[in-house]
C-alpha atoms as a PDB file:
ATOM      1  CA  UNK A   1       0.000   0.000   0.000  1.00  0.00           C
ATOM      2  CA  UNK A   2       1.194   3.484  -0.848  1.00  0.00           C
ATOM      3  CA  UNK A   3       1.756   5.558   2.288  1.00  0.00           C
ATOM      4  CA  UNK A   4      -0.391   8.646   2.781  1.00  0.00           C
ATOM      5  CA  UNK A   5       0.860  11.916   4.279  1.00  0.00           C
ATOM      6  CA  UNK A   6      -0.813  10.945   7.546  1.00  0.00           C
ATOM      7  CA  UNK A   7       1.084   7.635   7.688  1.00  0.00           C
ATOM      8  CA  UNK A   8       4.400   9.290   6.813  1.00  0.00           C
ATOM      9  CA  UNK A   9       3.959  11.780   9.658  1.00  0.00           C
ATOM     10  CA  UNK A  10       3.212   8.982  12.132  1.00  0.00           C
ATOM     11  CA  UNK A  11       6.223   7.007  10.867  1.00  0.00           C
ATOM     12  CA  UNK A  12       8.478  10.043  11.312  1.00  0.00           C
ATOM     13  CA  UNK A  13       7.402  10.295  14.976  1.00  0.00           C
ATOM     14  CA  UNK A  14       7.708   6.500  15.348  1.00  0.00           C
ATOM     15  CA  UNK A  15       4.156   6.260  16.671  1.00  0.00           C
ATOM     16  CA  UNK A  16       2.454   2.889  16.520  1.00  0.00           C
ATOM     17  CA  UNK A  17      -0.645   2.698  14.363  1.00  0.00           C
ATOM     18  CA  UNK A  18      -2.737   0.182  12.455  1.00  0.00           C
ATOM     19  CA  UNK A  19      -4.377   0.497   9.064  1.00  0.00           C
ATOM     20  CA  UNK A  20      -7.969  -0.535   8.435  1.00  0.00           C
ATOM     21  CA  UNK A  21      -9.085  -0.662   4.800  1.00  0.00           C
ATOM     22  CA  UNK A  22     -12.675  -1.029   3.698  1.00  0.00           C
ATOM     23  CA  UNK A  23     -14.666  -0.870   0.442  1.00  0.00           C
ATOM     24  CA  UNK A  24     -15.791   2.632  -0.501  1.00  0.00           C
ATOM     25  CA  UNK A  25     -19.385   3.494  -1.345  1.00  0.00           C
ATOM     26  CA  UNK A  26     -19.265   6.873  -3.120  1.00  0.00           C
ATOM     27  CA  UNK A  27     -22.902   7.432  -2.102  1.00  0.00           C
ATOM     28  CA  UNK A  28     -22.223   6.914   1.613  1.00  0.00           C
ATOM     29  CA  UNK A  29     -18.924   8.282   2.922  1.00  0.00           C
ATOM     30  CA  UNK A  30     -20.166   8.540   6.504  1.00  0.00           C
ATOM     31  CA  UNK A  31     -18.431   7.367   9.658  1.00  0.00           C
ATOM     32  CA  UNK A  32     -21.440   5.124  10.292  1.00  0.00           C
ATOM     33  CA  UNK A  33     -20.768   3.365   6.981  1.00  0.00           C
ATOM     34  CA  UNK A  34     -17.048   3.026   7.813  1.00  0.00           C
ATOM     35  CA  UNK A  35     -17.932   1.511  11.195  1.00  0.00           C
ATOM     36  CA  UNK A  36     -20.307  -0.989   9.611  1.00  0.00           C
ATOM     37  CA  UNK A  37     -17.752  -2.041   6.992  1.00  0.00           C
ATOM     38  CA  UNK A  38     -14.847  -2.372   9.432  1.00  0.00           C
ATOM     39  CA  UNK A  39     -16.804  -3.828  12.344  1.00  0.00           C
ATOM     40  CA  UNK A  40     -15.443  -1.069  14.593  1.00  0.00           C
ATOM     41  CA  UNK A  41     -17.339   0.677  17.382  1.00  0.00           C
ATOM     42  CA  UNK A  42     -18.769   3.908  15.920  1.00  0.00           C
ATOM     43  CA  UNK A  43     -17.803   5.732  19.136  1.00  0.00           C
ATOM     44  CA  UNK A  44     -14.121   5.079  18.276  1.00  0.00           C
ATOM     45  CA  UNK A  45     -14.342   6.337  14.685  1.00  0.00           C
ATOM     46  CA  UNK A  46     -13.636  10.064  14.662  1.00  0.00           C
ATOM     47  CA  UNK A  47     -14.662  12.187  11.723  1.00  0.00           C
ATOM     48  CA  UNK A  48     -12.609  15.195  10.672  1.00  0.00           C
ATOM     49  CA  UNK A  49     -14.578  18.397  10.232  1.00  0.00           C
ATOM     50  CA  UNK A  50     -13.074  21.594   8.842  1.00  0.00           C
ATOM     51  CA  UNK A  51     -14.625  24.887   9.859  1.00  0.00           C
ATOM     52  CA  UNK A  52     -13.983  28.581   9.735  1.00  0.00           C
ATOM     53  CA  UNK A  53     -14.257  30.916  12.702  1.00  0.00           C
ATOM     54  CA  UNK A  54     -15.266  34.547  12.350  1.00  0.00           C
ATOM     55  CA  UNK A  55     -12.171  35.660  14.294  1.00  0.00           C
ATOM     56  CA  UNK A  56      -9.533  32.931  14.024  1.00  0.00           C
ATOM     57  CA  UNK A  57      -9.981  31.499  10.531  1.00  0.00           C
ATOM     58  CA  UNK A  58      -9.796  27.777   9.750  1.00  0.00           C
ATOM     59  CA  UNK A  59      -9.946  25.143  12.454  1.00  0.00           C
ATOM     60  CA  UNK A  60     -10.448  21.393  12.695  1.00  0.00           C
ATOM     61  CA  UNK A  61     -12.765  19.359  14.906  1.00  0.00           C
ATOM     62  CA  UNK A  62     -12.521  15.597  15.442  1.00  0.00           C
ATOM     63  CA  UNK A  63     -15.750  14.109  16.752  1.00  0.00           C
ATOM     64  CA  UNK A  64     -17.133  10.591  17.229  1.00  0.00           C
ATOM     65  CA  UNK A  65     -18.929   9.283  14.162  1.00  0.00           C
ATOM     66  CA  UNK A  66     -22.359   8.981  15.759  1.00  0.00           C
ATOM     67  CA  UNK A  67     -22.344  12.388  17.387  1.00  0.00           C
ATOM     68  CA  UNK A  68     -23.032  15.919  16.166  1.00  0.00           C
ATOM     69  CA  UNK A  69     -20.616  18.806  16.480  1.00  0.00           C
ATOM     70  CA  UNK A  70     -21.661  21.453  19.001  1.00  0.00           C
ATOM     71  CA  UNK A  71     -20.919  24.622  17.041  1.00  0.00           C
ATOM     72  CA  UNK A  72     -21.551  26.938  20.001  1.00  0.00           C
ATOM     73  CA  UNK A  73     -19.130  25.051  22.251  1.00  0.00           C
ATOM     74  CA  UNK A  74     -16.491  24.965  19.527  1.00  0.00           C
ATOM     75  CA  UNK A  75     -16.888  28.688  18.872  1.00  0.00           C
ATOM     76  CA  UNK A  76     -16.442  29.441  22.552  1.00  0.00           C
ATOM     77  CA  UNK A  77     -13.315  27.291  23.080  1.00  0.00           C
ATOM     78  CA  UNK A  78     -11.729  28.590  19.868  1.00  0.00           C
ATOM     79  CA  UNK A  79     -12.305  32.279  20.786  1.00  0.00           C
ATOM     80  CA  UNK A  80     -14.815  32.829  18.007  1.00  0.00           C
ATOM     81  CA  UNK A  81     -18.308  34.260  18.181  1.00  0.00           C
ATOM     82  CA  UNK A  82     -19.366  31.919  15.392  1.00  0.00           C
ATOM     83  CA  UNK A  83     -17.937  28.909  13.543  1.00  0.00           C
ATOM     84  CA  UNK A  84     -19.367  27.219  10.483  1.00  0.00           C
ATOM     85  CA  UNK A  85     -18.462  24.341   8.217  1.00  0.00           C
ATOM     86  CA  UNK A  86     -16.442  25.327   5.173  1.00  0.00           C
ATOM     87  CA  UNK A  87     -18.125  24.822   1.798  1.00  0.00           C
ATOM     88  CA  UNK A  88     -17.393  21.276   0.589  1.00  0.00           C
ATOM     89  CA  UNK A  89     -16.030  22.660  -2.694  1.00  0.00           C
ATOM     90  CA  UNK A  90     -13.216  24.339  -0.720  1.00  0.00           C
ATOM     91  CA  UNK A  91     -12.122  21.263   1.260  1.00  0.00           C
ATOM     92  CA  UNK A  92      -9.366  20.056  -1.076  1.00  0.00           C
ATOM     93  CA  UNK A  93      -7.988  23.563  -1.650  1.00  0.00           C
ATOM     94  CA  UNK A  94      -7.753  24.187   2.117  1.00  0.00           C
ATOM     95  CA  UNK A  95      -6.645  20.756   3.364  1.00  0.00           C
ATOM     96  CA  UNK A  96      -5.270  18.840   0.397  1.00  0.00           C
ATOM     97  CA  UNK A  97      -7.847  16.115   1.064  1.00  0.00           C
ATOM     98  CA  UNK A  98     -11.162  15.152  -0.536  1.00  0.00           C
ATOM     99  CA  UNK A  99     -14.493  14.480   1.171  1.00  0.00           C
ATOM    100  CA  UNK A 100     -14.509  11.030   2.748  1.00  0.00           C
ATOM    101  CA  UNK A 101     -10.717  10.966   2.964  1.00  0.00           C
ATOM    102  CA  UNK A 102      -9.893  14.025   5.052  1.00  0.00           C
ATOM    103  CA  UNK A 103      -7.409  13.216   7.804  1.00  0.00           C
ATOM    104  CA  UNK A 104      -6.576  15.652  10.582  1.00  0.00           C
ATOM    105  CA  UNK A 105      -2.939  14.634   9.975  1.00  0.00           C
ATOM    106  CA  UNK A 106      -1.017  15.922   6.972  1.00  0.00           C
ATOM    107  CA  UNK A 107      -3.197  18.829   5.924  1.00  0.00           C
ATOM    108  CA  UNK A 108      -1.597  21.575   3.815  1.00  0.00           C
ATOM    109  CA  UNK A 109      -1.299  23.702   6.973  1.00  0.00           C
ATOM    110  CA  UNK A 110      -1.518  23.027  10.683  1.00  0.00           C
ATOM    111  CA  UNK A 111      -4.841  24.395  11.836  1.00  0.00           C
ATOM    112  CA  UNK A 112      -5.982  24.658  15.474  1.00  0.00           C
ATOM    113  CA  UNK A 113      -7.475  21.235  16.245  1.00  0.00           C
ATOM    114  CA  UNK A 114     -10.098  20.311  18.822  1.00  0.00           C
ATOM    115  CA  UNK A 115     -10.670  16.644  19.656  1.00  0.00           C
ATOM    116  CA  UNK A 116     -13.801  15.558  21.481  1.00  0.00           C
ATOM    117  CA  UNK A 117     -12.773  14.491  24.964  1.00  0.00           C
ATOM    118  CA  UNK A 118     -14.590  11.164  24.574  1.00  0.00           C
ATOM    119  CA  UNK A 119     -11.518  10.023  22.600  1.00  0.00           C
ATOM    120  CA  UNK A 120      -9.698   9.579  25.916  1.00  0.00           C
ATOM    121  CA  UNK A 121     -12.191   6.880  26.961  1.00  0.00           C
ATOM    122  CA  UNK A 122     -10.617   4.367  24.566  1.00  0.00           C
ATOM    123  CA  UNK A 123      -7.146   2.815  24.285  1.00  0.00           C
ATOM    124  CA  UNK A 124      -7.207   3.867  20.609  1.00  0.00           C
ATOM    125  CA  UNK A 125      -9.409   5.681  18.104  1.00  0.00           C
ATOM    126  CA  UNK A 126      -9.711   5.612  14.321  1.00  0.00           C
ATOM    127  CA  UNK A 127      -9.333   8.597  12.019  1.00  0.00           C
ATOM    128  CA  UNK A 128      -9.265   8.942   8.262  1.00  0.00           C
ATOM    129  CA  UNK A 129      -6.007   7.736   6.802  1.00  0.00           C
ATOM    130  CA  UNK A 130      -5.964  10.420   4.141  1.00  0.00           C
ATOM    131  CA  UNK A 131      -7.877   8.652   1.400  1.00  0.00           C
ATOM    132  CA  UNK A 132     -11.291   7.096   1.028  1.00  0.00           C
ATOM    133  CA  UNK A 133     -11.568   3.573   2.387  1.00  0.00           C
ATOM    134  CA  UNK A 134      -8.640   3.931   4.774  1.00  0.00           C
ATOM    135  CA  UNK A 135      -8.729   4.367   8.542  1.00  0.00           C
ATOM    136  CA  UNK A 136      -5.754   4.779  10.883  1.00  0.00           C
ATOM    137  CA  UNK A 137      -6.041   3.405  14.412  1.00  0.00           C
ATOM    138  CA  UNK A 138      -3.857   5.201  16.944  1.00  0.00           C
ATOM    139  CA  UNK A 139      -3.772   6.447  20.514  1.00  0.00           C
ATOM    140  CA  UNK A 140      -5.772   9.658  20.953  1.00  0.00           C
ATOM    141  CA  UNK A 141      -2.933  11.177  22.998  1.00  0.00           C
ATOM    142  CA  UNK A 142      -0.537  10.662  20.080  1.00  0.00           C
ATOM    143  CA  UNK A 143      -2.970  12.351  17.715  1.00  0.00           C
ATOM    144  CA  UNK A 144      -3.331  15.317  20.060  1.00  0.00           C
ATOM    145  CA  UNK A 145       0.432  15.586  20.467  1.00  0.00           C
ATOM    146  CA  UNK A 146       1.039  15.602  16.715  1.00  0.00           C
ATOM    147  CA  UNK A 147      -1.573  18.288  16.117  1.00  0.00           C
ATOM    148  CA  UNK A 148      -1.113  20.311  19.303  1.00  0.00           C
ATOM    149  CA  UNK A 149      -4.753  19.327  19.674  1.00  0.00           C
ATOM    150  CA  UNK A 150      -6.984  20.217  22.597  1.00  0.00           C
ATOM    151  CA  UNK A 151      -9.328  17.665  24.190  1.00  0.00           C
ATOM    152  CA  UNK A 152     -12.642  19.356  24.886  1.00  0.00           C
ATOM    153  CA  UNK A 153     -16.351  18.524  24.974  1.00  0.00           C
ATOM    154  CA  UNK A 154     -17.570  19.598  21.513  1.00  0.00           C
ATOM    155  CA  UNK A 155     -20.210  17.035  20.550  1.00  0.00           C
ATOM    156  CA  UNK A 156     -23.674  15.809  21.454  1.00  0.00           C
ATOM    157  CA  UNK A 157     -25.962  12.935  20.502  1.00  0.00           C
END
C-alpha cells in the first residue's frame, strides 16, 4: 500500500498505528458506513470536520462518528463568536484532502485542532487515513500531540 501523508507523519514520529481498509461506497462516505464495513465501534471512529471561525480562521474538529458537532461550544473554546463548516467545494484547496478521505494529519497547513474528549475513553481511536476507504487506528494522545490538539467537549448525541 502506498503511504499517505498521515502515515508518513506517524512514521516520522515512530508512533504505533494500524491500518484498516474497507470498500468505498461513493454514495455513503459517513463514519457510520465506515464503522459498519470495518466492524469497529462507531464511538471510536472520529470524523474530521473543517470549519472557519469569524475571528480565528480555519480550524479542525474531530468528533465521534455517531455524534453531532456542538458549534456553540467549539466557537467558545476557539475564541470565536461563530464557527461554520467550510463549503465542501473548498475542502481540497484548504486541506489537500477530498471528502470522505480528510485526515486531521497531513493537511496543507496546521490548523488549530479540537478533539472531542470522549476520545480519551478508549485505548485507541480511528481517524481517516488520508484517502477514502482507509482508517488509521492510533492512541488519541498521540494524535493530540502531533496536532497540538486540545481535548474538549464539543459534541452531542
